[in-house]
């Protein structure tokens, strides 16, 4: 139980540091032609059916970073790998 609290706290600290360290240019903007959605770093979403936190968009890698639920590492996805976002 104590281990679980440490994991939750460390994930929260990572998210907070990411949210303060990434500016709005790292937001992810999605469009279907009619509607635009802007996802800010630190937002909780479902990516390809799995819950995660959006960490930001890395322009150099041309990939979006996400922290998957239960993890404390950022995983980068190329835009082609993102099939569905809730």
N, C-alpha and C. Protein backbone atom coordinates (compact mmCIF):
# COMPACT_ATOMS: atom_id res chain seq x y z
N UNK A 1 0.83 -1.18 0.00
CA UNK A 1 0.00 0.00 0.00
C UNK A 1 0.88 1.25 0.00
N UNK A 2 1.91 1.27 0.82
CA UNK A 2 2.81 2.42 0.89
C UNK A 2 3.51 2.63 -0.45
N UNK A 3 3.89 1.52 -1.09
CA UNK A 3 4.54 1.56 -2.40
C UNK A 3 3.63 2.19 -3.45
N UNK A 4 2.34 1.87 -3.38
CA UNK A 4 1.37 2.41 -4.31
C UNK A 4 1.24 3.93 -4.14
N UNK A 5 1.28 4.41 -2.90
CA UNK A 5 1.19 5.85 -2.65
C UNK A 5 2.41 6.58 -3.20
N UNK A 6 3.57 5.98 -3.08
CA UNK A 6 4.79 6.59 -3.60
C UNK A 6 4.72 6.67 -5.12
N UNK A 7 4.21 5.64 -5.77
CA UNK A 7 4.09 5.63 -7.22
C UNK A 7 3.11 6.71 -7.68
N UNK A 8 1.99 6.85 -7.00
CA UNK A 8 1.01 7.88 -7.34
C UNK A 8 1.61 9.27 -7.14
N UNK A 9 2.31 9.46 -6.04
CA UNK A 9 2.92 10.76 -5.75
C UNK A 9 3.99 11.10 -6.78
N UNK A 10 4.82 10.13 -7.15
CA UNK A 10 5.87 10.40 -8.14
C UNK A 10 5.27 10.73 -9.50
N UNK A 11 4.20 10.04 -9.88
CA UNK A 11 3.52 10.35 -11.15
C UNK A 11 2.93 11.74 -11.11
N UNK A 12 2.32 12.11 -10.00
CA UNK A 12 1.75 13.44 -9.84
C UNK A 12 2.84 14.52 -9.95
N UNK A 13 3.97 14.29 -9.32
CA UNK A 13 5.07 15.26 -9.40
C UNK A 13 5.60 15.39 -10.83
N UNK A 14 5.67 14.30 -11.54
CA UNK A 14 6.11 14.34 -12.94
C UNK A 14 5.13 15.15 -13.77
N UNK A 15 3.85 14.91 -13.58
CA UNK A 15 2.83 15.64 -14.33
C UNK A 15 2.89 17.13 -14.03
N UNK A 16 3.03 17.48 -12.76
CA UNK A 16 3.11 18.89 -12.38
C UNK A 16 4.34 19.54 -13.00
N UNK A 17 5.48 18.86 -12.95
CA UNK A 17 6.70 19.43 -13.53
C UNK A 17 6.58 19.56 -15.04
N UNK A 18 5.93 18.62 -15.68
CA UNK A 18 5.71 18.70 -17.12
C UNK A 18 4.79 19.87 -17.45
N UNK A 19 3.72 19.99 -16.67
CA UNK A 19 2.75 21.06 -16.93
C UNK A 19 3.39 22.44 -16.80
N UNK A 20 4.29 22.61 -15.85
CA UNK A 20 4.95 23.91 -15.69
C UNK A 20 6.11 24.09 -16.65
N UNK A 21 6.68 23.02 -17.13
CA UNK A 21 7.86 23.12 -17.99
C UNK A 21 7.56 23.20 -19.47
N UNK A 22 6.33 22.94 -19.87
CA UNK A 22 5.97 22.94 -21.29
C UNK A 22 5.04 24.11 -21.56
N UNK A 23 5.35 24.88 -22.59
CA UNK A 23 4.50 26.02 -22.92
C UNK A 23 3.38 25.60 -23.86
N UNK A 24 2.52 26.56 -24.23
CA UNK A 24 1.34 26.24 -25.04
C UNK A 24 1.71 25.77 -26.45
N UNK A 25 2.92 26.04 -26.91
CA UNK A 25 3.32 25.56 -28.23
C UNK A 25 3.46 24.04 -28.24
N UNK A 26 3.51 23.42 -27.07
CA UNK A 26 3.62 21.97 -26.99
C UNK A 26 2.25 21.30 -26.90
N UNK A 27 1.19 22.10 -27.04
CA UNK A 27 -0.15 21.54 -27.05
C UNK A 27 -0.37 20.76 -28.34
N UNK A 28 -1.30 19.84 -28.28
CA UNK A 28 -1.65 19.04 -29.45
C UNK A 28 -2.99 19.55 -29.97
N UNK A 29 -3.02 19.96 -31.23
CA UNK A 29 -4.25 20.46 -31.83
C UNK A 29 -4.73 19.45 -32.86
N UNK A 30 -5.96 19.00 -32.69
CA UNK A 30 -6.55 18.02 -33.59
C UNK A 30 -7.72 18.66 -34.33
N UNK A 31 -7.94 18.23 -35.55
CA UNK A 31 -9.03 18.77 -36.34
C UNK A 31 -9.60 17.68 -37.24
N UNK A 32 -10.92 17.69 -37.38
CA UNK A 32 -11.56 16.79 -38.33
C UNK A 32 -12.11 17.57 -39.52
N UNK A 33 -11.70 18.81 -39.65
CA UNK A 33 -12.17 19.66 -40.73
C UNK A 33 -13.24 20.64 -40.28
N UNK A 34 -14.08 20.21 -39.35
CA UNK A 34 -15.16 21.06 -38.84
C UNK A 34 -14.88 21.57 -37.43
N UNK A 35 -14.26 20.74 -36.63
CA UNK A 35 -14.07 21.05 -35.22
C UNK A 35 -12.60 20.91 -34.86
N UNK A 36 -12.08 21.88 -34.09
CA UNK A 36 -10.71 21.84 -33.61
C UNK A 36 -10.70 21.57 -32.12
N UNK A 37 -9.80 20.71 -31.68
CA UNK A 37 -9.64 20.40 -30.26
C UNK A 37 -8.19 20.67 -29.89
N UNK A 38 -7.98 21.38 -28.79
CA UNK A 38 -6.63 21.66 -28.31
C UNK A 38 -6.44 20.90 -27.00
N UNK A 39 -5.44 20.02 -26.96
CA UNK A 39 -5.14 19.24 -25.76
C UNK A 39 -3.90 19.83 -25.13
N UNK A 40 -4.05 20.29 -23.90
CA UNK A 40 -2.94 20.92 -23.18
C UNK A 40 -2.15 19.87 -22.40
N UNK A 41 -0.85 20.10 -22.22
CA UNK A 41 -0.05 19.17 -21.40
C UNK A 41 -0.65 19.03 -20.00
N UNK A 42 -0.66 17.81 -19.50
CA UNK A 42 -1.23 17.51 -18.19
C UNK A 42 -2.67 17.04 -18.25
N UNK A 43 -3.28 17.08 -19.45
CA UNK A 43 -4.66 16.63 -19.62
C UNK A 43 -4.73 15.11 -19.58
N UNK A 44 -5.76 14.58 -18.90
CA UNK A 44 -6.00 13.15 -18.87
C UNK A 44 -6.90 12.79 -20.04
N UNK A 45 -6.47 11.83 -20.83
CA UNK A 45 -7.23 11.39 -22.00
C UNK A 45 -7.15 9.88 -22.12
N UNK A 46 -7.90 9.33 -23.05
CA UNK A 46 -7.76 7.92 -23.43
C UNK A 46 -7.14 7.90 -24.81
N UNK A 47 -6.01 7.22 -24.93
CA UNK A 47 -5.29 7.10 -26.18
C UNK A 47 -5.32 5.65 -26.62
N UNK A 48 -5.89 5.40 -27.78
CA UNK A 48 -6.00 4.04 -28.31
C UNK A 48 -6.60 3.09 -27.27
N UNK A 49 -7.55 3.59 -26.48
CA UNK A 49 -8.26 2.78 -25.49
C UNK A 49 -7.60 2.69 -24.12
N UNK A 50 -6.44 3.36 -23.91
CA UNK A 50 -5.74 3.29 -22.63
C UNK A 50 -5.66 4.69 -22.02
N UNK A 51 -5.92 4.77 -20.70
CA UNK A 51 -5.88 6.06 -20.02
C UNK A 51 -4.44 6.54 -19.85
N UNK A 52 -4.24 7.83 -20.09
CA UNK A 52 -2.90 8.40 -19.97
C UNK A 52 -2.98 9.91 -19.76
N UNK A 53 -1.83 10.50 -19.50
CA UNK A 53 -1.71 11.95 -19.39
C UNK A 53 -0.91 12.45 -20.58
N UNK A 54 -1.38 13.53 -21.17
CA UNK A 54 -0.66 14.12 -22.29
C UNK A 54 0.50 14.94 -21.74
N UNK A 55 1.73 14.62 -22.15
CA UNK A 55 2.92 15.28 -21.64
C UNK A 55 3.35 16.46 -22.52
N UNK A 56 3.00 16.43 -23.79
CA UNK A 56 3.36 17.52 -24.69
C UNK A 56 3.76 16.99 -26.04
N UNK A 57 3.90 17.91 -26.99
CA UNK A 57 4.29 17.55 -28.34
C UNK A 57 5.74 17.95 -28.57
N UNK A 58 6.55 17.00 -29.00
CA UNK A 58 7.96 17.25 -29.27
C UNK A 58 8.11 17.53 -30.76
N UNK A 59 8.37 18.80 -31.09
CA UNK A 59 8.46 19.21 -32.49
C UNK A 59 9.63 18.53 -33.19
N UNK A 60 10.76 18.38 -32.52
CA UNK A 60 11.93 17.75 -33.13
C UNK A 60 11.66 16.30 -33.49
N UNK A 61 10.99 15.57 -32.59
CA UNK A 61 10.68 14.16 -32.85
C UNK A 61 9.43 14.00 -33.72
N UNK A 62 8.65 15.09 -33.84
CA UNK A 62 7.36 15.05 -34.53
C UNK A 62 6.49 13.96 -33.91
N UNK A 63 6.47 13.96 -32.57
CA UNK A 63 5.73 12.93 -31.83
C UNK A 63 5.10 13.55 -30.58
N UNK A 64 4.00 12.96 -30.16
CA UNK A 64 3.31 13.38 -28.94
C UNK A 64 3.74 12.47 -27.80
N UNK A 65 4.00 13.07 -26.63
CA UNK A 65 4.42 12.31 -25.47
C UNK A 65 3.27 12.07 -24.51
N UNK A 66 3.18 10.86 -24.02
CA UNK A 66 2.11 10.48 -23.08
C UNK A 66 2.70 9.68 -21.93
N UNK A 67 2.12 9.84 -20.75
CA UNK A 67 2.46 9.02 -19.59
C UNK A 67 1.30 8.06 -19.40
N UNK A 68 1.54 6.81 -19.68
CA UNK A 68 0.48 5.81 -19.59
C UNK A 68 0.14 5.54 -18.13
N UNK A 69 -1.11 5.22 -17.88
CA UNK A 69 -1.58 4.93 -16.53
C UNK A 69 -0.75 3.79 -15.92
N UNK A 70 -0.26 4.00 -14.70
CA UNK A 70 0.55 2.99 -14.03
C UNK A 70 2.03 3.09 -14.35
N UNK A 71 2.42 4.10 -15.12
CA UNK A 71 3.81 4.27 -15.49
C UNK A 71 4.28 5.67 -15.08
N UNK A 72 5.57 5.85 -14.99
CA UNK A 72 6.09 7.19 -14.69
C UNK A 72 7.07 7.64 -15.78
N UNK A 73 6.99 6.99 -16.95
CA UNK A 73 7.86 7.32 -18.08
C UNK A 73 7.03 7.87 -19.22
N UNK A 74 7.61 8.80 -19.95
CA UNK A 74 6.93 9.36 -21.12
C UNK A 74 7.18 8.44 -22.31
N UNK A 75 6.10 8.09 -22.99
CA UNK A 75 6.20 7.29 -24.21
C UNK A 75 5.76 8.18 -25.37
N UNK A 76 6.57 8.22 -26.42
CA UNK A 76 6.27 9.07 -27.57
C UNK A 76 5.60 8.27 -28.67
N UNK A 77 4.58 8.88 -29.27
CA UNK A 77 3.85 8.29 -30.38
C UNK A 77 3.92 9.21 -31.57
N UNK A 78 4.30 8.68 -32.74
CA UNK A 78 4.18 9.44 -33.97
C UNK A 78 2.70 9.64 -34.24
N UNK A 79 2.36 10.68 -34.94
CA UNK A 79 0.95 10.96 -35.18
C UNK A 79 0.24 9.82 -35.90
N UNK A 80 0.96 9.06 -36.72
CA UNK A 80 0.36 7.93 -37.42
C UNK A 80 -0.02 6.80 -36.47
N UNK A 81 0.64 6.73 -35.30
CA UNK A 81 0.36 5.66 -34.33
C UNK A 81 -0.88 5.95 -33.49
N UNK A 82 -1.33 7.19 -33.50
CA UNK A 82 -2.50 7.57 -32.69
C UNK A 82 -3.75 7.27 -33.50
N UNK A 83 -4.49 6.28 -33.06
CA UNK A 83 -5.69 5.87 -33.77
C UNK A 83 -6.96 6.53 -33.24
N UNK A 84 -7.03 6.69 -31.91
CA UNK A 84 -8.27 7.21 -31.32
C UNK A 84 -7.94 7.93 -30.00
N UNK A 85 -8.50 9.14 -29.83
CA UNK A 85 -8.32 9.90 -28.59
C UNK A 85 -9.70 10.25 -28.05
N UNK A 86 -9.89 10.02 -26.76
CA UNK A 86 -11.14 10.40 -26.07
C UNK A 86 -10.83 11.53 -25.13
